[in-house]
């Protein structure tokens, strides 16, 4: 008798081989779109707006962004005064590179709001 069943692992491998390039391409396109899409009032030192954080959170939702990547992606989008502030903040941490990887989105927002919004507006 001839075996007609496929090995389930073969199907997974084939599926991954088809999906992985598509996901990589989609991420490249999304990254490019993020660069051009976000209106950034941070750029000229005007200071970020709460709308910008809300916009980032909407992007995280659409992208299915895990919590441990949100701070890294947000830091990537900082410019001008906000980027200078973030670099200075990282220098105050024992290991800034590790801090970025371990900083939760909740913690980042708290640090960010404390820097850019008076307590009376929070």
PDB file of N, CA and C in Angstrom:
ATOM      1  N   UNK A   1       0.840  -1.172   0.000  1.00  0.00           N
ATOM      2  CA  UNK A   1       0.000   0.000   0.000  1.00  0.00           C
ATOM      3  C   UNK A   1       0.891   1.243   0.000  1.00  0.00           C
ATOM      4  N   UNK A   2       0.508   2.243  -0.747  1.00  0.00           N
ATOM      5  CA  UNK A   2       1.256   3.483  -0.861  1.00  0.00           C
ATOM      6  C   UNK A   2       0.763   4.455   0.204  1.00  0.00           C
ATOM      7  N   UNK A   3       1.704   5.093   0.882  1.00  0.00           N
ATOM      8  CA  UNK A   3       1.350   6.089   1.888  1.00  0.00           C
ATOM      9  C   UNK A   3       0.974   7.389   1.189  1.00  0.00           C
ATOM     10  N   UNK A   4      -0.212   7.875   1.480  1.00  0.00           N
ATOM     11  CA  UNK A   4      -0.679   9.111   0.836  1.00  0.00           C
ATOM     12  C   UNK A   4      -0.687  10.296   1.789  1.00  0.00           C
ATOM     13  N   UNK A   5      -0.386  10.044   3.031  1.00  0.00           N
ATOM     14  CA  UNK A   5      -0.360  11.147   4.001  1.00  0.00           C
ATOM     15  C   UNK A   5       0.923  11.943   3.851  1.00  0.00           C
ATOM     16  N   UNK A   6       0.777  13.222   3.996  1.00  0.00           N
ATOM     17  CA  UNK A   6       1.945  14.102   3.999  1.00  0.00           C
ATOM     18  C   UNK A   6       2.442  14.252   5.425  1.00  0.00           C
ATOM     19  N   UNK A   7       3.707  14.471   5.545  1.00  0.00           N
ATOM     20  CA  UNK A   7       4.293  14.756   6.846  1.00  0.00           C
ATOM     21  C   UNK A   7       3.864  16.170   7.241  1.00  0.00           C
ATOM     22  N   UNK A   8       3.205  16.340   8.396  1.00  0.00           N
ATOM     23  CA  UNK A   8       2.757  17.684   8.803  1.00  0.00           C
ATOM     24  C   UNK A   8       3.906  18.681   8.889  1.00  0.00           C
ATOM     25  N   UNK A   9       5.090  18.210   9.215  1.00  0.00           N
ATOM     26  CA  UNK A   9       6.239  19.114   9.302  1.00  0.00           C
ATOM     27  C   UNK A   9       6.615  19.674   7.938  1.00  0.00           C
ATOM     28  N   UNK A  10       6.396  18.883   6.874  1.00  0.00           N
ATOM     29  CA  UNK A  10       6.664  19.381   5.522  1.00  0.00           C
ATOM     30  C   UNK A  10       5.748  20.547   5.189  1.00  0.00           C
ATOM     31  N   UNK A  11       4.488  20.440   5.582  1.00  0.00           N
ATOM     32  CA  UNK A  11       3.534  21.521   5.319  1.00  0.00           C
ATOM     33  C   UNK A  11       3.924  22.793   6.061  1.00  0.00           C
ATOM     34  N   UNK A  12       4.385  22.643   7.299  1.00  0.00           N
ATOM     35  CA  UNK A  12       4.812  23.800   8.087  1.00  0.00           C
ATOM     36  C   UNK A  12       6.022  24.449   7.437  1.00  0.00           C
ATOM     37  N   UNK A  13       6.987  23.640   7.018  1.00  0.00           N
ATOM     38  CA  UNK A  13       8.187  24.181   6.369  1.00  0.00           C
ATOM     39  C   UNK A  13       7.834  24.916   5.091  1.00  0.00           C
ATOM     40  N   UNK A  14       6.953  24.326   4.293  1.00  0.00           N
ATOM     41  CA  UNK A  14       6.531  24.978   3.046  1.00  0.00           C
ATOM     42  C   UNK A  14       5.795  26.281   3.334  1.00  0.00           C
ATOM     43  N   UNK A  15       4.935  26.244   4.337  1.00  0.00           N
ATOM     44  CA  UNK A  15       4.182  27.436   4.710  1.00  0.00           C
ATOM     45  C   UNK A  15       5.128  28.541   5.164  1.00  0.00           C
ATOM     46  N   UNK A  16       6.081  28.195   6.030  1.00  0.00           N
ATOM     47  CA  UNK A  16       7.048  29.182   6.507  1.00  0.00           C
ATOM     48  C   UNK A  16       7.880  29.737   5.364  1.00  0.00           C
ATOM     49  N   UNK A  17       8.262  28.886   4.432  1.00  0.00           N
ATOM     50  CA  UNK A  17       9.055  29.333   3.286  1.00  0.00           C
ATOM     51  C   UNK A  17       8.276  30.332   2.439  1.00  0.00           C
ATOM     52  N   UNK A  18       6.968  30.177   2.376  1.00  0.00           N
ATOM     53  CA  UNK A  18       6.146  31.110   1.603  1.00  0.00           C
ATOM     54  C   UNK A  18       5.870  32.390   2.388  1.00  0.00           C
ATOM     55  N   UNK A  19       5.629  32.255   3.675  1.00  0.00           N
ATOM     56  CA  UNK A  19       5.210  33.392   4.491  1.00  0.00           C
ATOM     57  C   UNK A  19       6.364  34.297   4.900  1.00  0.00           C
ATOM     58  N   UNK A  20       7.500  33.733   5.274  1.00  0.00           N
ATOM     59  CA  UNK A  20       8.610  34.541   5.794  1.00  0.00           C
ATOM     60  C   UNK A  20       9.028  35.676   4.862  1.00  0.00           C
ATOM     61  N   UNK A  21       9.218  35.427   3.556  1.00  0.00           N
ATOM     62  CA  UNK A  21       9.579  36.555   2.682  1.00  0.00           C
ATOM     63  C   UNK A  21       8.478  37.619   2.611  1.00  0.00           C
ATOM     64  N   UNK A  22       7.226  37.181   2.635  1.00  0.00           N
ATOM     65  CA  UNK A  22       6.119  38.140   2.578  1.00  0.00           C
ATOM     66  C   UNK A  22       6.090  39.010   3.832  1.00  0.00           C
ATOM     67  N   UNK A  23       6.319  38.400   4.985  1.00  0.00           N
ATOM     68  CA  UNK A  23       6.341  39.152   6.243  1.00  0.00           C
ATOM     69  C   UNK A  23       7.513  40.128   6.255  1.00  0.00           C
ATOM     70  N   UNK A  24       8.692  39.660   5.829  1.00  0.00           N
ATOM     71  CA  UNK A  24       9.872  40.533   5.788  1.00  0.00           C
ATOM     72  C   UNK A  24       9.618  41.727   4.869  1.00  0.00           C
ATOM     73  N   UNK A  25       9.012  41.482   3.731  1.00  0.00           N
ATOM     74  CA  UNK A  25       8.704  42.559   2.786  1.00  0.00           C
ATOM     75  C   UNK A  25       7.684  43.527   3.383  1.00  0.00           C
ATOM     76  N   UNK A  26       6.665  42.986   4.043  1.00  0.00           N
ATOM     77  CA  UNK A  26       5.651  43.843   4.667  1.00  0.00           C
ATOM     78  C   UNK A  26       6.272  44.717   5.751  1.00  0.00           C
ATOM     79  N   UNK A  27       7.176  44.151   6.545  1.00  0.00           N
ATOM     80  CA  UNK A  27       7.836  44.937   7.589  1.00  0.00           C
ATOM     81  C   UNK A  27       8.689  46.051   6.995  1.00  0.00           C
ATOM     82  N   UNK A  28       9.395  45.757   5.909  1.00  0.00           N
ATOM     83  CA  UNK A  28      10.179  46.809   5.241  1.00  0.00           C
ATOM     84  C   UNK A  28       9.263  47.927   4.768  1.00  0.00           C
ATOM     85  N   UNK A  29       8.148  47.557   4.161  1.00  0.00           N
ATOM     86  CA  UNK A  29       7.201  48.561   3.671  1.00  0.00           C
ATOM     87  C   UNK A  29       6.586  49.361   4.814  1.00  0.00           C
ATOM     88  N   UNK A  30       6.251  48.685   5.921  1.00  0.00           N
ATOM     89  CA  UNK A  30       5.676  49.388   7.067  1.00  0.00           C
ATOM     90  C   UNK A  30       6.679  50.342   7.692  1.00  0.00           C
ATOM     91  N   UNK A  31       7.932  49.918   7.761  1.00  0.00           N
ATOM     92  CA  UNK A  31       8.964  50.790   8.312  1.00  0.00           C
ATOM     93  C   UNK A  31       9.099  52.044   7.457  1.00  0.00           C
ATOM     94  N   UNK A  32       9.109  51.858   6.142  1.00  0.00           N
ATOM     95  CA  UNK A  32       9.189  53.011   5.242  1.00  0.00           C
ATOM     96  C   UNK A  32       7.960  53.908   5.408  1.00  0.00           C
ATOM     97  N   UNK A  33       6.800  53.288   5.550  1.00  0.00           N
ATOM     98  CA  UNK A  33       5.572  54.064   5.721  1.00  0.00           C
ATOM     99  C   UNK A  33       5.591  54.834   7.039  1.00  0.00           C
ATOM    100  N   UNK A  34       6.129  54.215   8.083  1.00  0.00           N
ATOM    101  CA  UNK A  34       6.226  54.900   9.370  1.00  0.00           C
ATOM    102  C   UNK A  34       7.073  56.154   9.258  1.00  0.00           C
ATOM    103  N   UNK A  35       8.145  56.049   8.505  1.00  0.00           N
ATOM    104  CA  UNK A  35       9.038  57.204   8.358  1.00  0.00           C
ATOM    105  C   UNK A  35       8.333  58.381   7.706  1.00  0.00           C
ATOM    106  N   UNK A  36       7.479  58.096   6.747  1.00  0.00           N
ATOM    107  CA  UNK A  36       6.836  59.183   6.012  1.00  0.00           C
ATOM    108  C   UNK A  36       5.476  59.568   6.577  1.00  0.00           C
ATOM    109  N   UNK A  37       4.843  58.681   7.335  1.00  0.00           N
ATOM    110  CA  UNK A  37       3.478  58.892   7.781  1.00  0.00           C
ATOM    111  C   UNK A  37       3.343  59.774   9.004  1.00  0.00           C
ATOM    112  N   UNK A  38       4.203  59.599   9.961  1.00  0.00           N
ATOM    113  CA  UNK A  38       4.013  60.263  11.254  1.00  0.00           C
ATOM    114  C   UNK A  38       4.341  61.748  11.146  1.00  0.00           C
ATOM    115  N   UNK A  39       3.359  62.567  11.400  1.00  0.00           N
ATOM    116  CA  UNK A  39       3.592  64.001  11.456  1.00  0.00           C
ATOM    117  C   UNK A  39       4.334  64.263  12.746  1.00  0.00           C
ATOM    118  N   UNK A  40       5.512  64.855  12.607  1.00  0.00           N
ATOM    119  CA  UNK A  40       6.390  64.902  13.769  1.00  0.00           C
ATOM    120  C   UNK A  40       6.661  66.342  14.186  1.00  0.00           C
ATOM    121  N   UNK A  41       5.877  66.813  15.143  1.00  0.00           N
ATOM    122  CA  UNK A  41       6.121  68.164  15.632  1.00  0.00           C
ATOM    123  C   UNK A  41       7.302  68.201  16.595  1.00  0.00           C
ATOM    124  N   UNK A  42       7.961  67.059  16.760  1.00  0.00           N
ATOM    125  CA  UNK A  42       9.161  66.998  17.587  1.00  0.00           C
ATOM    126  C   UNK A  42      10.347  67.592  16.828  1.00  0.00           C
ATOM    127  N   UNK A  43      10.341  67.460  15.528  1.00  0.00           N
ATOM    128  CA  UNK A  43      11.511  67.735  14.690  1.00  0.00           C
ATOM    129  C   UNK A  43      12.148  69.095  14.938  1.00  0.00           C
ATOM    130  N   UNK A  44      11.369  70.119  15.035  1.00  0.00           N
ATOM    131  CA  UNK A  44      11.924  71.463  15.172  1.00  0.00           C
ATOM    132  C   UNK A  44      11.945  71.943  16.617  1.00  0.00           C
ATOM    133  N   UNK A  45      12.007  71.011  17.530  1.00  0.00           N
ATOM    134  CA  UNK A  45      12.093  71.374  18.940  1.00  0.00           C
ATOM    135  C   UNK A  45      10.788  71.873  19.521  1.00  0.00           C
ATOM    136  N   UNK A  46       9.704  71.696  18.795  1.00  0.00           N
ATOM    137  CA  UNK A  46       8.419  72.180  19.281  1.00  0.00           C
ATOM    138  C   UNK A  46       7.893  71.338  20.436  1.00  0.00           C
ATOM    139  N   UNK A  47       8.458  70.173  20.622  1.00  0.00           N
ATOM    140  CA  UNK A  47       7.983  69.272  21.674  1.00  0.00           C
ATOM    141  C   UNK A  47       6.888  68.377  21.137  1.00  0.00           C
ATOM    142  N   UNK A  48       6.864  67.156  21.585  1.00  0.00           N
ATOM    143  CA  UNK A  48       5.891  66.197  21.081  1.00  0.00           C
ATOM    144  C   UNK A  48       4.499  66.459  21.629  1.00  0.00           C
ATOM    145  N   UNK A  49       3.534  65.937  20.958  1.00  0.00           N
ATOM    146  CA  UNK A  49       2.170  66.091  21.437  1.00  0.00           C
ATOM    147  C   UNK A  49       1.651  64.736  21.901  1.00  0.00           C
ATOM    148  N   UNK A  50       0.627  64.794  22.726  1.00  0.00           N
ATOM    149  CA  UNK A  50       0.008  63.555  23.198  1.00  0.00           C
ATOM    150  C   UNK A  50      -0.599  62.798  22.023  1.00  0.00           C
ATOM    151  N   UNK A  51      -1.024  63.541  20.997  1.00  0.00           N
ATOM    152  CA  UNK A  51      -1.563  62.896  19.803  1.00  0.00           C
ATOM    153  C   UNK A  51      -0.527  61.993  19.149  1.00  0.00           C
ATOM    154  N   UNK A  52       0.728  62.386  19.229  1.00  0.00           N
ATOM    155  CA  UNK A  52       1.799  61.589  18.633  1.00  0.00           C
ATOM    156  C   UNK A  52       1.897  60.237  19.336  1.00  0.00           C
ATOM    157  N   UNK A  53       1.818  60.235  20.669  1.00  0.00           N
ATOM    158  CA  UNK A  53       1.845  58.985  21.437  1.00  0.00           C
ATOM    159  C   UNK A  53       0.629  58.137  21.070  1.00  0.00           C
ATOM    160  N   UNK A  54      -0.532  58.764  20.985  1.00  0.00           N
ATOM    161  CA  UNK A  54      -1.747  58.045  20.608  1.00  0.00           C
ATOM    162  C   UNK A  54      -1.593  57.434  19.223  1.00  0.00           C
ATOM    163  N   UNK A  55      -1.003  58.192  18.305  1.00  0.00           N
ATOM    164  CA  UNK A  55      -0.771  57.682  16.954  1.00  0.00           C
ATOM    165  C   UNK A  55       0.160  56.471  16.991  1.00  0.00           C
ATOM    166  N   UNK A  56       1.217  56.550  17.776  1.00  0.00           N
ATOM    167  CA  UNK A  56       2.139  55.419  17.902  1.00  0.00           C
ATOM    168  C   UNK A  56       1.403  54.199  18.449  1.00  0.00           C
ATOM    169  N   UNK A  57       0.539  54.396  19.426  1.00  0.00           N
ATOM    170  CA  UNK A  57      -0.198  53.273  20.003  1.00  0.00           C
ATOM    171  C   UNK A  57      -1.141  52.641  18.985  1.00  0.00           C
ATOM    172  N   UNK A  58      -1.733  53.457  18.114  1.00  0.00           N
ATOM    173  CA  UNK A  58      -2.567  52.909  17.044  1.00  0.00           C
ATOM    174  C   UNK A  58      -1.720  52.063  16.093  1.00  0.00           C
ATOM    175  N   UNK A  59      -0.526  52.539  15.781  1.00  0.00           N
ATOM    176  CA  UNK A  59       0.369  51.761  14.921  1.00  0.00           C
ATOM    177  C   UNK A  59       0.755  50.441  15.577  1.00  0.00           C
ATOM    178  N   UNK A  60       1.032  50.471  16.869  1.00  0.00           N
ATOM    179  CA  UNK A  60       1.385  49.240  17.578  1.00  0.00           C
ATOM    180  C   UNK A  60       0.258  48.223  17.465  1.00  0.00           C
ATOM    181  N   UNK A  61      -0.976  48.712  17.586  1.00  0.00           N
ATOM    182  CA  UNK A  61      -2.130  47.828  17.495  1.00  0.00           C
ATOM    183  C   UNK A  61      -2.216  47.194  16.115  1.00  0.00           C
ATOM    184  N   UNK A  62      -2.091  47.999  15.084  1.00  0.00           N
ATOM    185  CA  UNK A  62      -2.180  47.498  13.714  1.00  0.00           C
ATOM    186  C   UNK A  62      -1.059  46.515  13.412  1.00  0.00           C
ATOM    187  N   UNK A  63       0.141  46.821  13.892  1.00  0.00           N
ATOM    188  CA  UNK A  63       1.296  45.975  13.620  1.00  0.00           C
ATOM    189  C   UNK A  63       1.363  44.756  14.534  1.00  0.00           C
ATOM    190  N   UNK A  64       0.542  44.728  15.578  1.00  0.00           N
ATOM    191  CA  UNK A  64       0.642  43.646  16.554  1.00  0.00           C
ATOM    192  C   UNK A  64       1.983  43.679  17.259  1.00  0.00           C
ATOM    193  N   UNK A  65       2.430  44.880  17.553  1.00  0.00           N
ATOM    194  CA  UNK A  65       3.766  45.100  18.106  1.00  0.00           C
ATOM    195  C   UNK A  65       3.852  44.616  19.554  1.00  0.00           C
ATOM    196  N   UNK A  66       4.806  43.730  19.856  1.00  0.00           N
ATOM    197  CA  UNK A  66       4.962  43.277  21.243  1.00  0.00           C
ATOM    198  C   UNK A  66       5.484  44.404  22.130  1.00  0.00           C
ATOM    199  N   UNK A  67       5.144  44.355  23.398  1.00  0.00           N
ATOM    200  CA  UNK A  67       5.491  45.425  24.336  1.00  0.00           C
ATOM    201  C   UNK A  67       6.987  45.720  24.357  1.00  0.00           C
ATOM    202  N   UNK A  68       7.805  44.682  24.284  1.00  0.00           N
ATOM    203  CA  UNK A  68       9.251  44.902  24.389  1.00  0.00           C
ATOM    204  C   UNK A  68       9.845  45.579  23.152  1.00  0.00           C
ATOM    205  N   UNK A  69       9.064  45.747  22.084  1.00  0.00           N
ATOM    206  CA  UNK A  69       9.566  46.408  20.879  1.00  0.00           C
ATOM    207  C   UNK A  69       9.020  47.832  20.735  1.00  0.00           C
ATOM    208  N   UNK A  70       7.994  48.173  21.495  1.00  0.00           N
ATOM    209  CA  UNK A  70       7.345  49.479  21.362  1.00  0.00           C
ATOM    210  C   UNK A  70       8.294  50.632  21.676  1.00  0.00           C
ATOM    211  N   UNK A  71       9.061  50.505  22.753  1.00  0.00           N
ATOM    212  CA  UNK A  71       9.988  51.576  23.123  1.00  0.00           C
ATOM    213  C   UNK A  71      11.051  51.749  22.053  1.00  0.00           C
ATOM    214  N   UNK A  72      11.577  50.643  21.547  1.00  0.00           N
ATOM    215  CA  UNK A  72      12.615  50.710  20.511  1.00  0.00           C
ATOM    216  C   UNK A  72      12.078  51.399  19.252  1.00  0.00           C
ATOM    217  N   UNK A  73      10.873  51.038  18.819  1.00  0.00           N
ATOM    218  CA  UNK A  73      10.283  51.640  17.625  1.00  0.00           C
ATOM    219  C   UNK A  73      10.008  53.126  17.845  1.00  0.00           C
ATOM    220  N   UNK A  74       9.510  53.476  19.010  1.00  0.00           N
ATOM    221  CA  UNK A  74       9.233  54.880  19.317  1.00  0.00           C
ATOM    222  C   UNK A  74      10.524  55.686  19.349  1.00  0.00           C
ATOM    223  N   UNK A  75      11.559  55.135  19.977  1.00  0.00           N
ATOM    224  CA  UNK A  75      12.853  55.832  20.030  1.00  0.00           C
ATOM    225  C   UNK A  75      13.397  56.066  18.627  1.00  0.00           C
ATOM    226  N   UNK A  76      13.154  55.125  17.742  1.00  0.00           N
ATOM    227  CA  UNK A  76      13.583  55.257  16.351  1.00  0.00           C
ATOM    228  C   UNK A  76      12.922  56.464  15.684  1.00  0.00           C
ATOM    229  N   UNK A  77      11.690  56.770  16.075  1.00  0.00           N
ATOM    230  CA  UNK A  77      10.950  57.870  15.459  1.00  0.00           C
ATOM    231  C   UNK A  77      11.236  59.231  16.085  1.00  0.00           C
ATOM    232  N   UNK A  78      11.931  59.275  17.215  1.00  0.00           N
ATOM    233  CA  UNK A  78      12.217  60.561  17.856  1.00  0.00           C
ATOM    234  C   UNK A  78      13.195  61.374  17.023  1.00  0.00           C
ATOM    235  N   UNK A  79      12.977  62.672  16.991  1.00  0.00           N
ATOM    236  CA  UNK A  79      13.853  63.588  16.261  1.00  0.00           C
ATOM    237  C   UNK A  79      14.019  64.867  17.074  1.00  0.00           C
ATOM    238  N   UNK A  80      14.987  65.671  16.676  1.00  0.00           N
ATOM    239  CA  UNK A  80      15.179  66.985  17.279  1.00  0.00           C
ATOM    240  C   UNK A  80      15.382  66.929  18.780  1.00  0.00           C
ATOM    241  N   UNK A  81      14.657  67.797  19.483  1.00  0.00           N
ATOM    242  CA  UNK A  81      14.774  67.906  20.929  1.00  0.00           C
ATOM    243  C   UNK A  81      14.464  66.585  21.628  1.00  0.00           C
ATOM    244  N   UNK A  82      13.456  65.883  21.153  1.00  0.00           N
ATOM    245  CA  UNK A  82      13.072  64.619  21.791  1.00  0.00           C
ATOM    246  C   UNK A  82      14.168  63.571  21.640  1.00  0.00           C
ATOM    247  N   UNK A  83      14.823  63.532  20.493  1.00  0.00           N
ATOM    248  CA  UNK A  83      15.925  62.587  20.299  1.00  0.00           C
ATOM    249  C   UNK A  83      17.092  62.943  21.214  1.00  0.00           C
ATOM    250  N   UNK A  84      17.395  64.218  21.326  1.00  0.00           N
ATOM    251  CA  UNK A  84      18.467  64.654  22.235  1.00  0.00           C
ATOM    252  C   UNK A  84      18.134  64.282  23.674  1.00  0.00           C
ATOM    253  N   UNK A  85      16.884  64.519  24.065  1.00  0.00           N
ATOM    254  CA  UNK A  85      16.452  64.152  25.412  1.00  0.00           C
ATOM    255  C   UNK A  85      16.608  62.648  25.641  1.00  0.00           C
ATOM    256  N   UNK A  86      16.172  61.837  24.673  1.00  0.00           N
ATOM    257  CA  UNK A  86      16.227  60.381  24.828  1.00  0.00           C
ATOM    258  C   UNK A  86      17.674  59.892  24.946  1.00  0.00           C
ATOM    259  N   UNK A  87      18.564  60.430  24.121  1.00  0.00           N
ATOM    260  CA  UNK A  87      19.979  60.036  24.195  1.00  0.00           C
ATOM    261  C   UNK A  87      20.564  60.400  25.556  1.00  0.00           C
ATOM    262  N   UNK A  88      20.222  61.586  26.048  1.00  0.00           N
ATOM    263  CA  UNK A  88      20.706  62.008  27.367  1.00  0.00           C
ATOM    264  C   UNK A  88      20.141  61.097  28.455  1.00  0.00           C
ATOM    265  N   UNK A  89      18.880  60.743  28.316  1.00  0.00           N
ATOM    266  CA  UNK A  89      18.262  59.847  29.297  1.00  0.00           C
ATOM    267  C   UNK A  89      18.966  58.485  29.303  1.00  0.00           C
ATOM    268  N   UNK A  90      19.275  57.968  28.124  1.00  0.00           N
ATOM    269  CA  UNK A  90      19.969  56.672  28.048  1.00  0.00           C
ATOM    270  C   UNK A  90      21.344  56.732  28.706  1.00  0.00           C
ATOM    271  N   UNK A  91      22.014  57.873  28.573  1.00  0.00           N
ATOM    272  CA  UNK A  91      23.338  58.013  29.198  1.00  0.00           C
ATOM    273  C   UNK A  91      23.258  57.973  30.721  1.00  0.00           C
ATOM    274  N   UNK A  92      22.096  58.296  31.274  1.00  0.00           N
ATOM    275  CA  UNK A  92      21.946  58.251  32.733  1.00  0.00           C
ATOM    276  C   UNK A  92      21.681  56.836  33.238  1.00  0.00           C
ATOM    277  N   UNK A  93      21.394  55.926  32.331  1.00  0.00           N
ATOM    278  CA  UNK A  93      21.129  54.539  32.712  1.00  0.00           C
ATOM    279  C   UNK A  93      22.444  53.769  32.781  1.00  0.00           C
ATOM    280  N   UNK A  94      22.501  52.766  33.642  1.00  0.00           N
ATOM    281  CA  UNK A  94      23.730  51.980  33.794  1.00  0.00           C
ATOM    282  C   UNK A  94      24.144  51.374  32.460  1.00  0.00           C
ATOM    283  N   UNK A  95      23.221  50.740  31.775  1.00  0.00           N
ATOM    284  CA  UNK A  95      23.497  50.197  30.442  1.00  0.00           C
ATOM    285  C   UNK A  95      22.348  50.612  29.538  1.00  0.00           C
ATOM    286  N   UNK A  96      22.544  51.718  28.840  1.00  0.00           N
ATOM    287  CA  UNK A  96      21.486  52.272  28.002  1.00  0.00           C
ATOM    288  C   UNK A  96      20.954  51.305  26.976  1.00  0.00           C
ATOM    289  N   UNK A  97      21.850  50.491  26.370  1.00  0.00           N
ATOM    290  CA  UNK A  97      21.413  49.547  25.345  1.00  0.00           C
ATOM    291  C   UNK A  97      20.485  48.485  25.933  1.00  0.00           C
ATOM    292  N   UNK A  98      20.784  48.032  27.130  1.00  0.00           N
ATOM    293  CA  UNK A  98      19.933  47.047  27.800  1.00  0.00           C
ATOM    294  C   UNK A  98      18.642  47.708  28.262  1.00  0.00           C
ATOM    295  N   UNK A  99      18.735  48.958  28.694  1.00  0.00           N
ATOM    296  CA  UNK A  99      17.552  49.688  29.152  1.00  0.00           C
ATOM    297  C   UNK A  99      16.504  49.756  28.048  1.00  0.00           C
ATOM    298  N   UNK A 100      16.915  50.043  26.818  1.00  0.00           N
ATOM    299  CA  UNK A 100      15.970  50.129  25.703  1.00  0.00           C
ATOM    300  C   UNK A 100      15.256  48.796  25.515  1.00  0.00           C
ATOM    301  N   UNK A 101      15.991  47.700  25.633  1.00  0.00           N
ATOM    302  CA  UNK A 101      15.397  46.376  25.442  1.00  0.00           C
ATOM    303  C   UNK A 101      14.459  45.979  26.572  1.00  0.00           C
ATOM    304  N   UNK A 102      14.668  46.530  27.756  1.00  0.00           N
ATOM    305  CA  UNK A 102      13.867  46.118  28.913  1.00  0.00           C
ATOM    306  C   UNK A 102      12.831  47.153  29.337  1.00  0.00           C
ATOM    307  N   UNK A 103      12.873  48.330  28.748  1.00  0.00           N
ATOM    308  CA  UNK A 103      11.935  49.394  29.108  1.00  0.00           C
ATOM    309  C   UNK A 103      10.554  49.072  28.534  1.00  0.00           C
ATOM    310  N   UNK A 104       9.581  48.916  29.403  1.00  0.00           N
ATOM    311  CA  UNK A 104       8.223  48.633  28.939  1.00  0.00           C
ATOM    312  C   UNK A 104       7.614  49.898  28.330  1.00  0.00           C
ATOM    313  N   UNK A 105       6.569  49.718  27.569  1.00  0.00           N
ATOM    314  CA  UNK A 105       5.875  50.854  26.977  1.00  0.00           C
ATOM    315  C   UNK A 105       5.288  51.741  28.078  1.00  0.00           C
ATOM    316  N   UNK A 106       4.747  51.133  29.122  1.00  0.00           N
ATOM    317  CA  UNK A 106       4.202  51.890  30.245  1.00  0.00           C
ATOM    318  C   UNK A 106       5.285  52.780  30.862  1.00  0.00           C
ATOM    319  N   UNK A 107       6.466  52.210  31.087  1.00  0.00           N
ATOM    320  CA  UNK A 107       7.573  52.970  31.688  1.00  0.00           C
ATOM    321  C   UNK A 107       8.028  54.091  30.753  1.00  0.00           C
ATOM    322  N   UNK A 108       8.124  53.802  29.449  1.00  0.00           N
ATOM    323  CA  UNK A 108       8.536  54.836  28.496  1.00  0.00           C
ATOM    324  C   UNK A 108       7.552  56.000  28.511  1.00  0.00           C
ATOM    325  N   UNK A 109       6.261  55.676  28.444  1.00  0.00           N
ATOM    326  CA  UNK A 109       5.249  56.741  28.440  1.00  0.00           C
ATOM    327  C   UNK A 109       5.353  57.599  29.687  1.00  0.00           C
ATOM    328  N   UNK A 110       5.575  56.976  30.825  1.00  0.00           N
ATOM    329  CA  UNK A 110       5.704  57.727  32.076  1.00  0.00           C
ATOM    330  C   UNK A 110       6.901  58.677  32.019  1.00  0.00           C
ATOM    331  N   UNK A 111       8.036  58.183  31.560  1.00  0.00           N
ATOM    332  CA  UNK A 111       9.244  59.011  31.429  1.00  0.00           C
ATOM    333  C   UNK A 111       8.997  60.143  30.431  1.00  0.00           C
ATOM    334  N   UNK A 112       8.383  59.798  29.309  1.00  0.00           N
ATOM    335  CA  UNK A 112       8.096  60.746  28.234  1.00  0.00           C
ATOM    336  C   UNK A 112       7.152  61.846  28.720  1.00  0.00           C
ATOM    337  N   UNK A 113       6.052  61.450  29.352  1.00  0.00           N
ATOM    338  CA  UNK A 113       5.084  62.433  29.843  1.00  0.00           C
ATOM    339  C   UNK A 113       5.697  63.337  30.909  1.00  0.00           C
ATOM    340  N   UNK A 114       6.511  62.771  31.780  1.00  0.00           N
ATOM    341  CA  UNK A 114       7.168  63.596  32.802  1.00  0.00           C
ATOM    342  C   UNK A 114       8.075  64.641  32.172  1.00  0.00           C
ATOM    343  N   UNK A 115       8.657  64.324  31.042  1.00  0.00           N
ATOM    344  CA  UNK A 115       9.554  65.259  30.357  1.00  0.00           C
ATOM    345  C   UNK A 115       8.778  66.331  29.597  1.00  0.00           C
ATOM    346  N   UNK A 116       7.709  65.952  28.921  1.00  0.00           N
ATOM    347  CA  UNK A 116       7.054  66.865  27.984  1.00  0.00           C
ATOM    348  C   UNK A 116       5.719  67.437  28.436  1.00  0.00           C
ATOM    349  N   UNK A 117       5.129  66.905  29.471  1.00  0.00           N
ATOM    350  CA  UNK A 117       3.839  67.417  29.911  1.00  0.00           C
ATOM    351  C   UNK A 117       3.886  67.712  31.402  1.00  0.00           C
ATOM    352  N   UNK A 118       3.518  68.920  31.805  1.00  0.00           N
ATOM    353  CA  UNK A 118       3.482  69.242  33.234  1.00  0.00           C
ATOM    354  C   UNK A 118       2.513  68.301  33.956  1.00  0.00           C
ATOM    355  N   UNK A 119       2.773  68.063  35.223  1.00  0.00           N
ATOM    356  CA  UNK A 119       1.927  67.162  36.017  1.00  0.00           C
ATOM    357  C   UNK A 119       0.460  67.595  35.972  1.00  0.00           C
ATOM    358  N   UNK A 120       0.215  68.895  35.881  1.00  0.00           N
ATOM    359  CA  UNK A 120      -1.161  69.399  35.851  1.00  0.00           C
ATOM    360  C   UNK A 120      -1.906  68.982  34.581  1.00  0.00           C
ATOM    361  N   UNK A 121      -1.169  68.637  33.517  1.00  0.00           N
ATOM    362  CA  UNK A 121      -1.801  68.247  32.258  1.00  0.00           C
ATOM    363  C   UNK A 121      -1.884  66.738  32.079  1.00  0.00           C
ATOM    364  N   UNK A 122      -1.297  65.990  32.994  1.00  0.00           N
ATOM    365  CA  UNK A 122      -1.249  64.533  32.817  1.00  0.00           C
ATOM    366  C   UNK A 122      -2.505  63.852  33.286  1.00  0.00           C
TER     367      UNK A 122
END
